[in-house]
C-alpha atoms as a PDB file:
ATOM      1  CA  MET A   1     -25.331 -24.778  16.027  1.00  0.00           C
ATOM      2  CA  LYS A   2     -23.914 -27.043  13.346  1.00  0.00           C
ATOM      3  CA  THR A   3     -21.034 -25.651  11.250  1.00  0.00           C
ATOM      4  CA  SER A   4     -20.091 -26.682   7.712  1.00  0.00           C
ATOM      5  CA  ILE A   5     -16.838 -25.761   6.004  1.00  0.00           C
ATOM      6  CA  ILE A   6     -17.237 -25.383   2.228  1.00  0.00           C
ATOM      7  CA  ILE A   7     -14.040 -25.776   0.199  1.00  0.00           C
ATOM      8  CA  CYS A   8     -14.111 -24.687  -3.445  1.00  0.00           C
ATOM      9  CA  PHE A   9     -11.966 -27.131  -5.441  1.00  0.00           C
ATOM     10  CA  TYR A  10     -10.909 -28.187  -8.924  1.00  0.00           C
ATOM     11  CA  GLU A  11      -8.282 -30.805  -9.831  1.00  0.00           C
ATOM     12  CA  LYS A  12      -5.454 -29.679  -7.511  1.00  0.00           C
ATOM     13  CA  THR A  13      -5.621 -32.613  -5.107  1.00  0.00           C
ATOM     14  CA  ARG A  14      -2.220 -31.825  -3.595  1.00  0.00           C
ATOM     15  CA  TYR A  15      -3.510 -28.465  -2.398  1.00  0.00           C
ATOM     16  CA  LEU A  16      -6.829 -29.879  -1.221  1.00  0.00           C
ATOM     17  CA  LYS A  17      -5.110 -32.558   0.861  1.00  0.00           C
ATOM     18  CA  CYS A  18      -2.904 -29.889   2.431  1.00  0.00           C
ATOM     19  CA  CYS A  19      -6.019 -27.886   3.331  1.00  0.00           C
ATOM     20  CA  LEU A  20      -7.740 -30.930   4.805  1.00  0.00           C
ATOM     21  CA  GLU A  21      -4.609 -31.893   6.743  1.00  0.00           C
ATOM     22  CA  SER A  22      -4.484 -28.418   8.255  1.00  0.00           C
ATOM     23  CA  LEU A  23      -8.086 -28.813   9.452  1.00  0.00           C
ATOM     24  CA  LYS A  24      -7.047 -31.847  11.521  1.00  0.00           C
ATOM     25  CA  SER A  25      -5.731 -29.404  14.121  1.00  0.00           C
ATOM     26  CA  CYS A  26      -9.240 -28.123  14.878  1.00  0.00           C
ATOM     27  CA  PRO A  27     -11.750 -30.983  14.293  1.00  0.00           C
ATOM     28  CA  ASN A  28     -13.875 -29.923  17.271  1.00  0.00           C
ATOM     29  CA  ASP A  29     -14.534 -26.483  15.796  1.00  0.00           C
ATOM     30  CA  PHE A  30     -16.787 -27.683  12.960  1.00  0.00           C
ATOM     31  CA  ASP A  31     -19.122 -30.552  12.109  1.00  0.00           C
ATOM     32  CA  GLU A  32     -18.403 -31.365   8.473  1.00  0.00           C
ATOM     33  CA  VAL A  33     -16.442 -30.412   5.382  1.00  0.00           C
ATOM     34  CA  VAL A  34     -18.140 -30.046   2.008  1.00  0.00           C
ATOM     35  CA  ILE A  35     -15.769 -30.289  -0.958  1.00  0.00           C
ATOM     36  CA  ALA A  36     -17.489 -28.232  -3.648  1.00  0.00           C
ATOM     37  CA  ASP A  37     -15.911 -29.775  -6.750  1.00  0.00           C
ATOM     38  CA  ASP A  38     -16.098 -27.779  -9.996  1.00  0.00           C
ATOM     39  CA  GLY A  39     -16.098 -30.875 -12.218  1.00  0.00           C
ATOM     40  CA  SER A  40     -12.717 -32.521 -11.553  1.00  0.00           C
ATOM     41  CA  HIS A  41     -11.801 -35.425 -13.806  1.00  0.00           C
ATOM     42  CA  GLU A  42     -12.175 -39.081 -12.825  1.00  0.00           C
ATOM     43  CA  ALA A  43      -8.612 -39.562 -11.560  1.00  0.00           C
ATOM     44  CA  ALA A  44      -8.851 -36.599  -9.168  1.00  0.00           C
ATOM     45  CA  VAL A  45     -12.329 -37.659  -8.026  1.00  0.00           C
ATOM     46  CA  GLN A  46     -11.078 -41.162  -7.250  1.00  0.00           C
ATOM     47  CA  GLU A  47      -8.086 -39.778  -5.358  1.00  0.00           C
ATOM     48  CA  ILE A  48     -10.415 -37.684  -3.204  1.00  0.00           C
ATOM     49  CA  GLU A  49     -12.802 -40.571  -2.564  1.00  0.00           C
ATOM     50  CA  ASP A  50      -9.872 -42.790  -1.507  1.00  0.00           C
ATOM     51  CA  ALA A  51      -8.586 -40.114   0.896  1.00  0.00           C
ATOM     52  CA  ILE A  52     -11.882 -39.175   2.579  1.00  0.00           C
ATOM     53  CA  PRO A  53     -12.040 -42.133   5.035  1.00  0.00           C
ATOM     54  CA  HIS A  54      -8.656 -41.162   6.496  1.00  0.00           C
ATOM     55  CA  TYR A  55      -9.816 -37.832   7.917  1.00  0.00           C
ATOM     56  CA  PRO A  56     -11.264 -37.541  11.448  1.00  0.00           C
ATOM     57  CA  PHE A  57     -14.293 -35.515  10.370  1.00  0.00           C
ATOM     58  CA  PRO A  58     -17.236 -36.098   8.000  1.00  0.00           C
ATOM     59  CA  ILE A  59     -16.580 -35.043   4.396  1.00  0.00           C
ATOM     60  CA  VAL A  60     -19.204 -34.606   1.678  1.00  0.00           C
ATOM     61  CA  HIS A  61     -17.905 -34.572  -1.906  1.00  0.00           C
ATOM     62  CA  ALA A  62     -20.297 -32.331  -3.883  1.00  0.00           C
ATOM     63  CA  TRP A  63     -19.313 -32.715  -7.554  1.00  0.00           C
ATOM     64  CA  HIS A  64     -21.017 -31.121 -10.546  1.00  0.00           C
ATOM     65  CA  PRO A  65     -20.239 -31.463 -14.285  1.00  0.00           C
ATOM     66  CA  ARG A  66     -17.503 -29.290 -15.755  1.00  0.00           C
ATOM     67  CA  ASP A  67     -18.723 -26.497 -18.020  1.00  0.00           C
ATOM     68  CA  GLY A  68     -15.925 -23.992 -17.784  1.00  0.00           C
ATOM     69  CA  ALA A  69     -14.715 -22.531 -14.496  1.00  0.00           C
ATOM     70  CA  ARG A  70     -17.928 -22.023 -12.519  1.00  0.00           C
ATOM     71  CA  ARG A  71     -16.812 -21.029  -9.034  1.00  0.00           C
ATOM     72  CA  ALA A  72     -20.122 -19.305  -8.271  1.00  0.00           C
ATOM     73  CA  ALA A  73     -22.198 -22.339  -9.270  1.00  0.00           C
ATOM     74  CA  CYS A  74     -19.687 -24.604  -7.533  1.00  0.00           C
ATOM     75  CA  ARG A  75     -20.113 -22.780  -4.231  1.00  0.00           C
ATOM     76  CA  ASN A  76     -23.902 -22.812  -4.582  1.00  0.00           C
ATOM     77  CA  ASN A  77     -23.684 -26.576  -5.010  1.00  0.00           C
ATOM     78  CA  GLY A  78     -21.647 -26.721  -1.819  1.00  0.00           C
ATOM     79  CA  ILE A  79     -24.290 -24.675  -0.002  1.00  0.00           C
ATOM     80  CA  ARG A  80     -27.014 -27.063  -1.173  1.00  0.00           C
ATOM     81  CA  HIS A  81     -25.073 -30.061   0.148  1.00  0.00           C
ATOM     82  CA  ALA A  82     -24.152 -28.436   3.479  1.00  0.00           C
ATOM     83  CA  GLY A  83     -26.000 -29.665   6.547  1.00  0.00           C
ATOM     84  CA  GLY A  84     -24.760 -26.875   8.795  1.00  0.00           C
ATOM     85  CA  ASP A  85     -26.585 -23.833  10.099  1.00  0.00           C
ATOM     86  CA  TYR A  86     -23.406 -21.784   9.752  1.00  0.00           C
ATOM     87  CA  LEU A  87     -21.110 -21.883   6.717  1.00  0.00           C
ATOM     88  CA  VAL A  88     -17.388 -21.111   6.526  1.00  0.00           C
ATOM     89  CA  PHE A  89     -15.994 -20.694   3.001  1.00  0.00           C
ATOM     90  CA  PHE A  90     -12.388 -21.616   2.184  1.00  0.00           C
ATOM     91  CA  ASP A  91     -10.555 -22.394  -1.053  1.00  0.00           C
ATOM     92  CA  ALA A  92      -8.605 -25.589  -1.659  1.00  0.00           C
ATOM     93  CA  ASP A  93      -5.317 -23.667  -1.787  1.00  0.00           C
ATOM     94  CA  PHE A  94      -5.648 -22.515   1.838  1.00  0.00           C
ATOM     95  CA  ALA A  95      -3.869 -23.911   4.887  1.00  0.00           C
ATOM     96  CA  VAL A  96      -5.878 -23.146   8.019  1.00  0.00           C
ATOM     97  CA  LEU A  97      -4.149 -22.446  11.317  1.00  0.00           C
ATOM     98  CA  PRO A  98      -5.532 -23.550  14.702  1.00  0.00           C
ATOM     99  CA  GLY A  99      -8.236 -21.234  15.976  1.00  0.00           C
ATOM    100  CA  ALA A 100      -9.178 -19.852  12.552  1.00  0.00           C
ATOM    101  CA  VAL A 101     -12.443 -21.764  12.244  1.00  0.00           C
ATOM    102  CA  LYS A 102     -13.328 -21.010  15.869  1.00  0.00           C
ATOM    103  CA  SER A 103     -12.819 -17.282  15.179  1.00  0.00           C
ATOM    104  CA  HIS A 104     -15.414 -17.504  12.421  1.00  0.00           C
ATOM    105  CA  VAL A 105     -17.845 -19.488  14.575  1.00  0.00           C
ATOM    106  CA  ASP A 106     -17.430 -17.112  17.524  1.00  0.00           C
ATOM    107  CA  ALA A 107     -18.313 -14.220  15.190  1.00  0.00           C
ATOM    108  CA  ALA A 108     -21.555 -15.879  14.036  1.00  0.00           C
ATOM    109  CA  LYS A 109     -24.467 -13.478  14.303  1.00  0.00           C
ATOM    110  CA  SER A 110     -27.700 -13.332  12.358  1.00  0.00           C
ATOM    111  CA  GLY A 111     -27.694 -10.482   9.859  1.00  0.00           C
ATOM    112  CA  TYR A 112     -23.882 -10.373   9.739  1.00  0.00           C
ATOM    113  CA  PHE A 113     -21.109 -12.041   7.775  1.00  0.00           C
ATOM    114  CA  ALA A 114     -17.533 -12.431   9.022  1.00  0.00           C
ATOM    115  CA  ALA A 115     -14.654 -11.708   6.639  1.00  0.00           C
ATOM    116  CA  GLY A 116     -11.040 -12.840   6.880  1.00  0.00           C
ATOM    117  CA  ARG A 117      -7.853 -12.447   4.875  1.00  0.00           C
ATOM    118  CA  CYS A 118      -4.802 -14.584   4.084  1.00  0.00           C
ATOM    119  CA  LYS A 119      -1.064 -14.292   4.225  1.00  0.00           C
ATOM    120  CA  TYR A 120       0.422 -15.322   0.880  1.00  0.00           C
ATOM    121  CA  THR A 121       3.205 -17.900   0.991  1.00  0.00           C
ATOM    122  CA  THR A 122       6.177 -17.987  -1.329  1.00  0.00           C
ATOM    123  CA  GLU A 123       6.775 -20.825  -3.772  1.00  0.00           C
ATOM    124  CA  GLU A 124       9.557 -22.101  -1.493  1.00  0.00           C
ATOM    125  CA  GLN A 125       7.344 -22.067   1.611  1.00  0.00           C
ATOM    126  CA  THR A 126       4.564 -23.899  -0.233  1.00  0.00           C
ATOM    127  CA  ASN A 127       6.980 -26.557  -1.447  1.00  0.00           C
ATOM    128  CA  ASP A 128       8.227 -26.956   2.123  1.00  0.00           C
ATOM    129  CA  LEU A 129       4.659 -27.630   3.265  1.00  0.00           C
ATOM    130  CA  PHE A 130       4.176 -30.198   0.526  1.00  0.00           C
ATOM    131  CA  SER A 131       7.435 -31.983   1.321  1.00  0.00           C
ATOM    132  CA  GLN A 132       6.843 -32.614   5.025  1.00  0.00           C
ATOM    133  CA  LYS A 133       4.153 -33.891   7.342  1.00  0.00           C
ATOM    134  CA  MET A 134       1.627 -31.177   8.129  1.00  0.00           C
ATOM    135  CA  SER A 135       1.835 -29.832  11.676  1.00  0.00           C
ATOM    136  CA  SER A 136       0.559 -26.811  13.583  1.00  0.00           C
ATOM    137  CA  ASP A 137       4.152 -25.862  14.411  1.00  0.00           C
ATOM    138  CA  THR A 138       5.090 -25.732  10.712  1.00  0.00           C
ATOM    139  CA  LEU A 139       2.063 -23.582   9.880  1.00  0.00           C
ATOM    140  CA  GLU A 140       2.808 -21.251  12.799  1.00  0.00           C
ATOM    141  CA  LYS A 141       6.435 -20.933  11.689  1.00  0.00           C
ATOM    142  CA  ILE A 142       5.525 -19.993   8.108  1.00  0.00           C
ATOM    143  CA  TYR A 143       2.750 -17.637   9.224  1.00  0.00           C
ATOM    144  CA  ASN A 144       5.144 -15.810  11.543  1.00  0.00           C
ATOM    145  CA  GLU A 145       7.763 -15.525   8.785  1.00  0.00           C
ATOM    146  CA  LEU A 146       5.338 -13.472   6.702  1.00  0.00           C
ATOM    147  CA  PRO A 147       4.706  -9.774   7.471  1.00  0.00           C
ATOM    148  CA  GLU A 148       1.828  -8.819   9.732  1.00  0.00           C
ATOM    149  CA  GLU A 149       1.453  -5.258   8.418  1.00  0.00           C
ATOM    150  CA  PRO A 150      -0.827  -6.113   5.440  1.00  0.00           C
ATOM    151  CA  ILE A 151      -3.190  -8.018   7.757  1.00  0.00           C
ATOM    152  CA  ILE A 152      -3.378  -5.120  10.223  1.00  0.00           C
ATOM    153  CA  LYS A 153      -3.978  -2.695   7.361  1.00  0.00           C
ATOM    154  CA  GLU A 154      -6.763  -4.867   5.896  1.00  0.00           C
ATOM    155  CA  HIS A 155      -8.434  -5.105   9.324  1.00  0.00           C
ATOM    156  CA  ARG A 156      -8.323  -1.348   9.839  1.00  0.00           C
ATOM    157  CA  GLU A 157      -9.681  -0.702   6.354  1.00  0.00           C
ATOM    158  CA  PHE A 158     -12.518  -3.162   6.939  1.00  0.00           C
ATOM    159  CA  VAL A 159     -13.480  -1.550  10.249  1.00  0.00           C
ATOM    160  CA  ARG A 160     -13.179   1.935   8.716  1.00  0.00           C
ATOM    161  CA  TYR A 161     -15.444   0.948   5.822  1.00  0.00           C
ATOM    162  CA  GLY A 162     -18.029  -0.438   8.253  1.00  0.00           C
ATOM    163  CA  MET A 163     -18.121   2.869  10.088  1.00  0.00           C
ATOM    164  CA  LEU A 164     -18.483   4.821   6.835  1.00  0.00           C
ATOM    165  CA  ARG A 165     -21.283   2.511   5.684  1.00  0.00           C
ATOM    166  CA  LYS A 166     -23.085   3.062   8.973  1.00  0.00           C
ATOM    167  CA  LEU A 167     -22.945   6.808   8.310  1.00  0.00           C
ATOM    168  CA  HIS A 168     -24.047   6.299   4.678  1.00  0.00           C
ATOM    169  CA  LEU A 169     -20.708   7.700   3.470  1.00  0.00           C
ATOM    170  CA  ALA A 170     -19.482   4.667   1.508  1.00  0.00           C
ATOM    171  CA  SER A 171     -20.844   2.693  -1.414  1.00  0.00           C
ATOM    172  CA  ALA A 172     -21.846  -0.964  -1.165  1.00  0.00           C
ATOM    173  CA  ARG A 173     -19.343  -1.596  -3.959  1.00  0.00           C
ATOM    174  CA  LYS A 174     -16.507  -0.925  -1.518  1.00  0.00           C
ATOM    175  CA  GLN A 175     -17.300  -4.086   0.484  1.00  0.00           C
ATOM    176  CA  THR A 176     -15.066  -7.081  -0.221  1.00  0.00           C
ATOM    177  CA  PHE A 177     -14.514 -10.541   1.231  1.00  0.00           C
ATOM    178  CA  GLY A 178     -10.920 -10.934   0.110  1.00  0.00           C
ATOM    179  CA  GLY A 179      -9.856 -14.361   1.359  1.00  0.00           C
ATOM    180  CA  HIS A 180     -12.419 -16.326   3.378  1.00  0.00           C
ATOM    181  CA  PHE A 181     -15.744 -15.555   4.987  1.00  0.00           C
ATOM    182  CA  SER A 182     -18.598 -17.081   6.975  1.00  0.00           C
ATOM    183  CA  ILE A 183     -22.335 -16.542   7.262  1.00  0.00           C
ATOM    184  CA  TYR A 184     -25.520 -18.255   8.392  1.00  0.00           C
ATOM    185  CA  LYS A 185     -26.888 -20.532   5.688  1.00  0.00           C
ATOM    186  CA  ARG A 186     -30.348 -18.987   5.904  1.00  0.00           C
ATOM    187  CA  ASP A 187     -28.834 -15.530   5.384  1.00  0.00           C
ATOM    188  CA  ILE A 188     -26.900 -16.413   2.227  1.00  0.00           C
ATOM    189  CA  GLU A 189     -29.955 -18.259   0.904  1.00  0.00           C
ATOM    190  CA  SER A 190     -32.057 -15.138   1.501  1.00  0.00           C
ATOM    191  CA  ILE A 191     -30.180 -13.373  -1.340  1.00  0.00           C
ATOM    192  CA  ASN A 192     -30.254 -16.520  -3.501  1.00  0.00           C
ATOM    193  CA  GLY A 193     -26.568 -17.396  -3.052  1.00  0.00           C
ATOM    194  CA  TYR A 194     -23.942 -16.653  -5.679  1.00  0.00           C
ATOM    195  CA  ASP A 195     -24.758 -15.227  -9.096  1.00  0.00           C
ATOM    196  CA  GLU A 196     -24.019 -18.134 -11.452  1.00  0.00           C
ATOM    197  CA  ASN A 197     -23.630 -15.817 -14.428  1.00  0.00           C
ATOM    198  CA  PHE A 198     -20.040 -15.344 -13.271  1.00  0.00           C
ATOM    199  CA  ILE A 199     -17.976 -17.751 -15.379  1.00  0.00           C
ATOM    200  CA  GLY A 200     -14.193 -17.848 -15.200  1.00  0.00           C
ATOM    201  CA  TRP A 201     -11.936 -16.166 -12.698  1.00  0.00           C
ATOM    202  CA  GLY A 202     -12.972 -13.398 -10.349  1.00  0.00           C
ATOM    203  CA  GLY A 203     -15.855 -11.115  -9.506  1.00  0.00           C
ATOM    204  CA  GLU A 204     -18.248 -13.535  -7.827  1.00  0.00           C
ATOM    205  CA  ASP A 205     -17.013 -12.726  -4.304  1.00  0.00           C
ATOM    206  CA  GLN A 206     -17.157  -8.978  -4.863  1.00  0.00           C
ATOM    207  CA  ASP A 207     -20.683  -9.319  -6.227  1.00  0.00           C
ATOM    208  CA  MET A 208     -21.748 -11.425  -3.243  1.00  0.00           C
ATOM    209  CA  ALA A 209     -20.358  -8.887  -0.764  1.00  0.00           C
ATOM    210  CA  MET A 210     -22.075  -6.004  -2.541  1.00  0.00           C
ATOM    211  CA  ARG A 211     -25.454  -7.761  -2.651  1.00  0.00           C
ATOM    212  CA  LEU A 212     -25.247  -8.685   1.038  1.00  0.00           C
ATOM    213  CA  VAL A 213     -24.582  -5.058   1.986  1.00  0.00           C
ATOM    214  CA  MET A 214     -27.371  -3.825  -0.291  1.00  0.00           C
ATOM    215  CA  ALA A 215     -29.715  -6.343   1.365  1.00  0.00           C
ATOM    216  CA  GLY A 216     -28.937  -4.872   4.788  1.00  0.00           C
ATOM    217  CA  PHE A 217     -26.305  -7.300   6.076  1.00  0.00           C
ATOM    218  CA  ARG A 218     -23.277  -5.994   7.936  1.00  0.00           C
ATOM    219  CA  GLY A 219     -19.727  -7.287   8.003  1.00  0.00           C
ATOM    220  CA  THR A 220     -17.502  -8.052  10.953  1.00  0.00           C
ATOM    221  CA  SER A 221     -13.750  -8.581  10.763  1.00  0.00           C
ATOM    222  CA  VAL A 222     -11.983 -11.778  11.824  1.00  0.00           C
ATOM    223  CA  ILE A 223      -8.955 -10.701   9.792  1.00  0.00           C
ATOM    224  CA  LYS A 224      -6.531 -10.609  12.712  1.00  0.00           C
ATOM    225  CA  ASN A 225      -7.728 -13.766  14.473  1.00  0.00           C
ATOM    226  CA  ALA A 226      -8.765 -16.193  11.719  1.00  0.00           C
ATOM    227  CA  ARG A 227      -5.260 -16.975  10.491  1.00  0.00           C
ATOM    228  CA  VAL A 228      -5.033 -18.615   7.076  1.00  0.00           C
ATOM    229  CA  LEU A 229      -2.194 -19.157   4.611  1.00  0.00           C
ATOM    230  CA  HIS A 230      -2.794 -18.893   0.878  1.00  0.00           C
ATOM    231  CA  LEU A 231      -0.520 -21.435  -0.805  1.00  0.00           C
ATOM    232  CA  TRP A 232       1.523 -20.253  -3.756  1.00  0.00           C
ATOM    233  CA  HIS A 233       0.522 -21.384  -7.268  1.00  0.00           C
ATOM    234  CA  PRO A 234       0.698 -19.891 -10.770  1.00  0.00           C
ATOM    235  CA  ARG A 235      -2.081 -17.375 -11.371  1.00  0.00           C
ATOM    236  CA  GLU A 236      -5.110 -18.556 -13.329  1.00  0.00           C
ATOM    237  CA  ILE A 237      -4.829 -15.926 -16.046  1.00  0.00           C
ATOM    238  CA  GLY A 238      -1.116 -15.268 -15.976  1.00  0.00           C
ATOM    239  CA  ASN A 239      -0.040 -11.919 -14.588  1.00  0.00           C
ATOM    240  CA  LYS A 240      -3.420 -10.286 -15.085  1.00  0.00           C
ATOM    241  CA  HIS A 241      -5.673  -9.108 -12.276  1.00  0.00           C
ATOM    242  CA  TRP A 242      -9.209 -10.532 -12.415  1.00  0.00           C
ATOM    243  CA  LYS A 243     -10.456  -7.063 -13.406  1.00  0.00           C
ATOM    244  CA  GLU A 244      -8.616  -7.524 -16.699  1.00  0.00           C
ATOM    245  CA  GLY A 245     -10.637 -10.666 -17.407  1.00  0.00           C
ATOM    246  CA  THR A 246     -14.064 -11.146 -18.924  1.00  0.00           C
ATOM    247  CA  ASN A 247     -16.088 -10.901 -15.681  1.00  0.00           C
ATOM    248  CA  VAL A 248     -15.422  -7.211 -15.153  1.00  0.00           C
ATOM    249  CA  ASP A 249     -17.817  -6.261 -17.954  1.00  0.00           C
ATOM    250  CA  TYR A 250     -20.605  -8.312 -16.409  1.00  0.00           C
END
């Protein structure tokens, strides 16, 4: 089975490079990286192209023209360019710890998707990562500094929801991906990928999860084992939650 990692990206090359550097610790766990680029400008594109040859794994740069923030369309473009049978979805502001990709691959099963979560770094921790050479020890140190309780709680909630769904006691709308997820390419194509009517921040992941459940797919948790750090950055729409943005109406 060939595995593709799809990284959703726009402009923030510093974060993308950090994500790619973190993947150096597990190059044998996947076959390629697809950078799904939501229309970055020429300078960022050139910076990426210059960096690609320095990584020990194949990288495909899948760029499409900018027409607002189109994360759903961006990810679909990544899916189209992916050569893998199994797809693992990350964002460019993630730092991936050793074993995280393998946890997703080990969970691969037709008719299922695997969902993970992130620990959220502080601004200081993120700056520390940017200021030093990336290493597994540094990632482990930061991950262990952050509380484990939210991860355990998310895992239990995910498992609990799966049981309720099995008993037809929970709505498909309760299913979420949260941070990162993986699925067979043929399975995500069977529901026609992401809904590209989602423009701007938020909603596309929740919609994808709901449609997968409604189509009969089931979720499995890799929340405890697929360890990923979400790097600090200012929020896209200030202090608002995505549900206060325009996509909630759609």
